Amino acid sequence: MARRSAPTTGGASLLIIIGAILLIFPEPATSGIGLLLLIIGLVLWFL
């Protein structure tokens, strides 16, 4: 199995962290964007 490069995991980690921070804010727009970033980050993390 090929190892993932550092930029891929670093970018996924960054998306997950930013998504989690945005998800905390109570506004619907930031929560939606945060959830979207979390999902994208998780998909990138597991690929």
PDB file of N, CA and C in Angstrom:
ATOM      1  N   MET A   1       0.845  -1.174   0.000  1.00  0.00           N
ATOM      2  CA  MET A   1       0.000   0.000   0.000  1.00  0.00           C
ATOM      3  C   MET A   1       0.896   1.245   0.000  1.00  0.00           C
ATOM      4  N   ALA A   2       0.589   2.166  -0.837  1.00  0.00           N
ATOM      5  CA  ALA A   2       1.397   3.383  -0.957  1.00  0.00           C
ATOM      6  C   ALA A   2       1.103   4.326   0.206  1.00  0.00           C
ATOM      7  N   ARG A   3       2.148   4.954   0.681  1.00  0.00           N
ATOM      8  CA  ARG A   3       1.974   5.929   1.759  1.00  0.00           C
ATOM      9  C   ARG A   3       1.510   7.253   1.176  1.00  0.00           C
ATOM     10  N   ARG A   4       0.674   7.950   1.949  1.00  0.00           N
ATOM     11  CA  ARG A   4       0.205   9.260   1.507  1.00  0.00           C
ATOM     12  C   ARG A   4       1.293  10.284   1.735  1.00  0.00           C
ATOM     13  N   SER A   5       1.311  11.278   0.897  1.00  0.00           N
ATOM     14  CA  SER A   5       2.302  12.338   1.062  1.00  0.00           C
ATOM     15  C   SER A   5       1.869  13.274   2.186  1.00  0.00           C
ATOM     16  N   ALA A   6       2.825  13.972   2.739  1.00  0.00           N
ATOM     17  CA  ALA A   6       2.551  14.891   3.845  1.00  0.00           C
ATOM     18  C   ALA A   6       1.586  16.012   3.466  1.00  0.00           C
ATOM     19  N   PRO A   7       1.682  16.610   2.259  1.00  0.00           N
ATOM     20  CA  PRO A   7       0.719  17.673   1.924  1.00  0.00           C
ATOM     21  C   PRO A   7      -0.729  17.187   1.895  1.00  0.00           C
ATOM     22  N   THR A   8      -0.958  15.937   1.502  1.00  0.00           N
ATOM     23  CA  THR A   8      -2.324  15.422   1.453  1.00  0.00           C
ATOM     24  C   THR A   8      -2.903  15.290   2.852  1.00  0.00           C
ATOM     25  N   THR A   9      -2.139  14.681   3.752  1.00  0.00           N
ATOM     26  CA  THR A   9      -2.648  14.522   5.114  1.00  0.00           C
ATOM     27  C   THR A   9      -2.691  15.863   5.840  1.00  0.00           C
ATOM     28  N   GLY A  10      -1.729  16.732   5.563  1.00  0.00           N
ATOM     29  CA  GLY A  10      -1.732  18.055   6.188  1.00  0.00           C
ATOM     30  C   GLY A  10      -2.912  18.883   5.734  1.00  0.00           C
ATOM     31  N   GLY A  11      -3.226  18.828   4.448  1.00  0.00           N
ATOM     32  CA  GLY A  11      -4.378  19.563   3.930  1.00  0.00           C
ATOM     33  C   GLY A  11      -5.684  19.026   4.477  1.00  0.00           C
ATOM     34  N   ALA A  12      -5.772  17.701   4.589  1.00  0.00           N
ATOM     35  CA  ALA A  12      -6.982  17.100   5.146  1.00  0.00           C
ATOM     36  C   ALA A  12      -7.138  17.483   6.611  1.00  0.00           C
ATOM     37  N   SER A  13      -6.038  17.471   7.352  1.00  0.00           N
ATOM     38  CA  SER A  13      -6.085  17.862   8.766  1.00  0.00           C
ATOM     39  C   SER A  13      -6.523  19.310   8.912  1.00  0.00           C
ATOM     40  N   LEU A  14      -6.005  20.162   8.056  1.00  0.00           N
ATOM     41  CA  LEU A  14      -6.365  21.579   8.105  1.00  0.00           C
ATOM     42  C   LEU A  14      -7.852  21.777   7.814  1.00  0.00           C
ATOM     43  N   LEU A  15      -8.378  21.059   6.826  1.00  0.00           N
ATOM     44  CA  LEU A  15      -9.808  21.166   6.520  1.00  0.00           C
ATOM     45  C   LEU A  15     -10.661  20.683   7.684  1.00  0.00           C
ATOM     46  N   ILE A  16     -10.237  19.615   8.332  1.00  0.00           N
ATOM     47  CA  ILE A  16     -10.999  19.084   9.475  1.00  0.00           C
ATOM     48  C   ILE A  16     -10.994  20.083  10.628  1.00  0.00           C
ATOM     49  N   ILE A  17      -9.845  20.674  10.910  1.00  0.00           N
ATOM     50  CA  ILE A  17      -9.752  21.640  12.013  1.00  0.00           C
ATOM     51  C   ILE A  17     -10.584  22.887  11.725  1.00  0.00           C
ATOM     52  N   ILE A  18     -10.448  23.436  10.519  1.00  0.00           N
ATOM     53  CA  ILE A  18     -11.220  24.639  10.165  1.00  0.00           C
ATOM     54  C   ILE A  18     -12.713  24.324  10.152  1.00  0.00           C
ATOM     55  N   GLY A  19     -13.079  23.158   9.624  1.00  0.00           N
ATOM     56  CA  GLY A  19     -14.487  22.760   9.604  1.00  0.00           C
ATOM     57  C   GLY A  19     -15.066  22.627  11.000  1.00  0.00           C
ATOM     58  N   ALA A  20     -14.291  22.056  11.930  1.00  0.00           N
ATOM     59  CA  ALA A  20     -14.764  21.905  13.309  1.00  0.00           C
ATOM     60  C   ALA A  20     -14.941  23.260  13.974  1.00  0.00           C
ATOM     61  N   ILE A  21     -14.021  24.177  13.709  1.00  0.00           N
ATOM     62  CA  ILE A  21     -14.137  25.522  14.287  1.00  0.00           C
ATOM     63  C   ILE A  21     -15.373  26.233  13.737  1.00  0.00           C
ATOM     64  N   LEU A  22     -15.595  26.143  12.436  1.00  0.00           N
ATOM     65  CA  LEU A  22     -16.763  26.800  11.845  1.00  0.00           C
ATOM     66  C   LEU A  22     -18.069  26.152  12.283  1.00  0.00           C
ATOM     67  N   LEU A  23     -18.033  24.860  12.564  1.00  0.00           N
ATOM     68  CA  LEU A  23     -19.243  24.153  12.974  1.00  0.00           C
ATOM     69  C   LEU A  23     -19.720  24.623  14.351  1.00  0.00           C
ATOM     70  N   ILE A  24     -18.820  25.139  15.158  1.00  0.00           N
ATOM     71  CA  ILE A  24     -19.170  25.603  16.507  1.00  0.00           C
ATOM     72  C   ILE A  24     -20.036  26.861  16.460  1.00  0.00           C
ATOM     73  N   PHE A  25     -19.787  27.740  15.477  1.00  0.00           N
ATOM     74  CA  PHE A  25     -20.549  28.987  15.393  1.00  0.00           C
ATOM     75  C   PHE A  25     -22.024  28.684  15.095  1.00  0.00           C
ATOM     76  N   PRO A  26     -22.947  29.388  15.760  1.00  0.00           N
ATOM     77  CA  PRO A  26     -24.365  29.057  15.651  1.00  0.00           C
ATOM     78  C   PRO A  26     -25.052  29.516  14.361  1.00  0.00           C
ATOM     79  N   GLU A  27     -24.372  30.262  13.523  1.00  0.00           N
ATOM     80  CA  GLU A  27     -25.021  30.736  12.305  1.00  0.00           C
ATOM     81  C   GLU A  27     -25.141  29.586  11.299  1.00  0.00           C
ATOM     82  N   PRO A  28     -26.252  29.502  10.581  1.00  0.00           N
ATOM     83  CA  PRO A  28     -26.449  28.396   9.638  1.00  0.00           C
ATOM     84  C   PRO A  28     -25.406  28.351   8.519  1.00  0.00           C
ATOM     85  N   ALA A  29     -24.987  29.507   8.019  1.00  0.00           N
ATOM     86  CA  ALA A  29     -24.028  29.519   6.918  1.00  0.00           C
ATOM     87  C   ALA A  29     -22.680  28.956   7.353  1.00  0.00           C
ATOM     88  N   THR A  30     -22.178  29.396   8.506  1.00  0.00           N
ATOM     89  CA  THR A  30     -20.880  28.900   8.953  1.00  0.00           C
ATOM     90  C   THR A  30     -20.951  27.432   9.356  1.00  0.00           C
ATOM     91  N   SER A  31     -22.071  27.014   9.919  1.00  0.00           N
ATOM     92  CA  SER A  31     -22.233  25.608  10.280  1.00  0.00           C
ATOM     93  C   SER A  31     -22.273  24.730   9.037  1.00  0.00           C
ATOM     94  N   GLY A  32     -22.953  25.190   8.007  1.00  0.00           N
ATOM     95  CA  GLY A  32     -23.014  24.434   6.757  1.00  0.00           C
ATOM     96  C   GLY A  32     -21.664  24.335   6.081  1.00  0.00           C
ATOM     97  N   ILE A  33     -20.943  25.441   6.046  1.00  0.00           N
ATOM     98  CA  ILE A  33     -19.604  25.432   5.451  1.00  0.00           C
ATOM     99  C   ILE A  33     -18.674  24.551   6.278  1.00  0.00           C
ATOM    100  N   GLY A  34     -18.791  24.644   7.605  1.00  0.00           N
ATOM    101  CA  GLY A  34     -17.972  23.813   8.481  1.00  0.00           C
ATOM    102  C   GLY A  34     -18.229  22.337   8.282  1.00  0.00           C
ATOM    103  N   LEU A  35     -19.488  21.964   8.150  1.00  0.00           N
ATOM    104  CA  LEU A  35     -19.835  20.566   7.912  1.00  0.00           C
ATOM    105  C   LEU A  35     -19.301  20.093   6.566  1.00  0.00           C
ATOM    106  N   LEU A  36     -19.408  20.930   5.555  1.00  0.00           N
ATOM    107  CA  LEU A  36     -18.884  20.592   4.235  1.00  0.00           C
ATOM    108  C   LEU A  36     -17.368  20.385   4.281  1.00  0.00           C
ATOM    109  N   LEU A  37     -16.655  21.279   4.973  1.00  0.00           N
ATOM    110  CA  LEU A  37     -15.207  21.144   5.091  1.00  0.00           C
ATOM    111  C   LEU A  37     -14.822  19.896   5.871  1.00  0.00           C
ATOM    112  N   LEU A  38     -15.588  19.576   6.910  1.00  0.00           N
ATOM    113  CA  LEU A  38     -15.334  18.348   7.664  1.00  0.00           C
ATOM    114  C   LEU A  38     -15.480  17.114   6.782  1.00  0.00           C
ATOM    115  N   ILE A  39     -16.522  17.074   5.988  1.00  0.00           N
ATOM    116  CA  ILE A  39     -16.753  15.920   5.119  1.00  0.00           C
ATOM    117  C   ILE A  39     -15.645  15.798   4.078  1.00  0.00           C
ATOM    118  N   ILE A  40     -15.276  16.911   3.458  1.00  0.00           N
ATOM    119  CA  ILE A  40     -14.200  16.886   2.464  1.00  0.00           C
ATOM    120  C   ILE A  40     -12.886  16.445   3.104  1.00  0.00           C
ATOM    121  N   GLY A  41     -12.593  16.987   4.295  1.00  0.00           N
ATOM    122  CA  GLY A  41     -11.370  16.605   4.993  1.00  0.00           C
ATOM    123  C   GLY A  41     -11.342  15.134   5.344  1.00  0.00           C
ATOM    124  N   LEU A  42     -12.464  14.594   5.803  1.00  0.00           N
ATOM    125  CA  LEU A  42     -12.514  13.169   6.133  1.00  0.00           C
ATOM    126  C   LEU A  42     -12.359  12.285   4.899  1.00  0.00           C
ATOM    127  N   VAL A  43     -12.963  12.689   3.803  1.00  0.00           N
ATOM    128  CA  VAL A  43     -12.811  11.927   2.561  1.00  0.00           C
ATOM    129  C   VAL A  43     -11.351  11.922   2.114  1.00  0.00           C
ATOM    130  N   LEU A  44     -10.710  13.082   2.164  1.00  0.00           N
ATOM    131  CA  LEU A  44      -9.295  13.157   1.788  1.00  0.00           C
ATOM    132  C   LEU A  44      -8.418  12.358   2.744  1.00  0.00           C
ATOM    133  N   TRP A  45      -8.772  12.351   4.015  1.00  0.00           N
ATOM    134  CA  TRP A  45      -7.983  11.643   5.013  1.00  0.00           C
ATOM    135  C   TRP A  45      -7.996  10.133   4.745  1.00  0.00           C
ATOM    136  N   PHE A  46      -9.170   9.597   4.370  1.00  0.00           N
ATOM    137  CA  PHE A  46      -9.298   8.155   4.193  1.00  0.00           C
ATOM    138  C   PHE A  46      -8.961   7.668   2.792  1.00  0.00           C
ATOM    139  N   LEU A  47      -8.695   8.565   1.864  1.00  0.00           N
ATOM    140  CA  LEU A  47      -8.311   8.132   0.510  1.00  0.00           C
ATOM    141  C   LEU A  47      -6.844   7.902   0.383  1.00  0.00           C
TER     142      LEU A  47
END
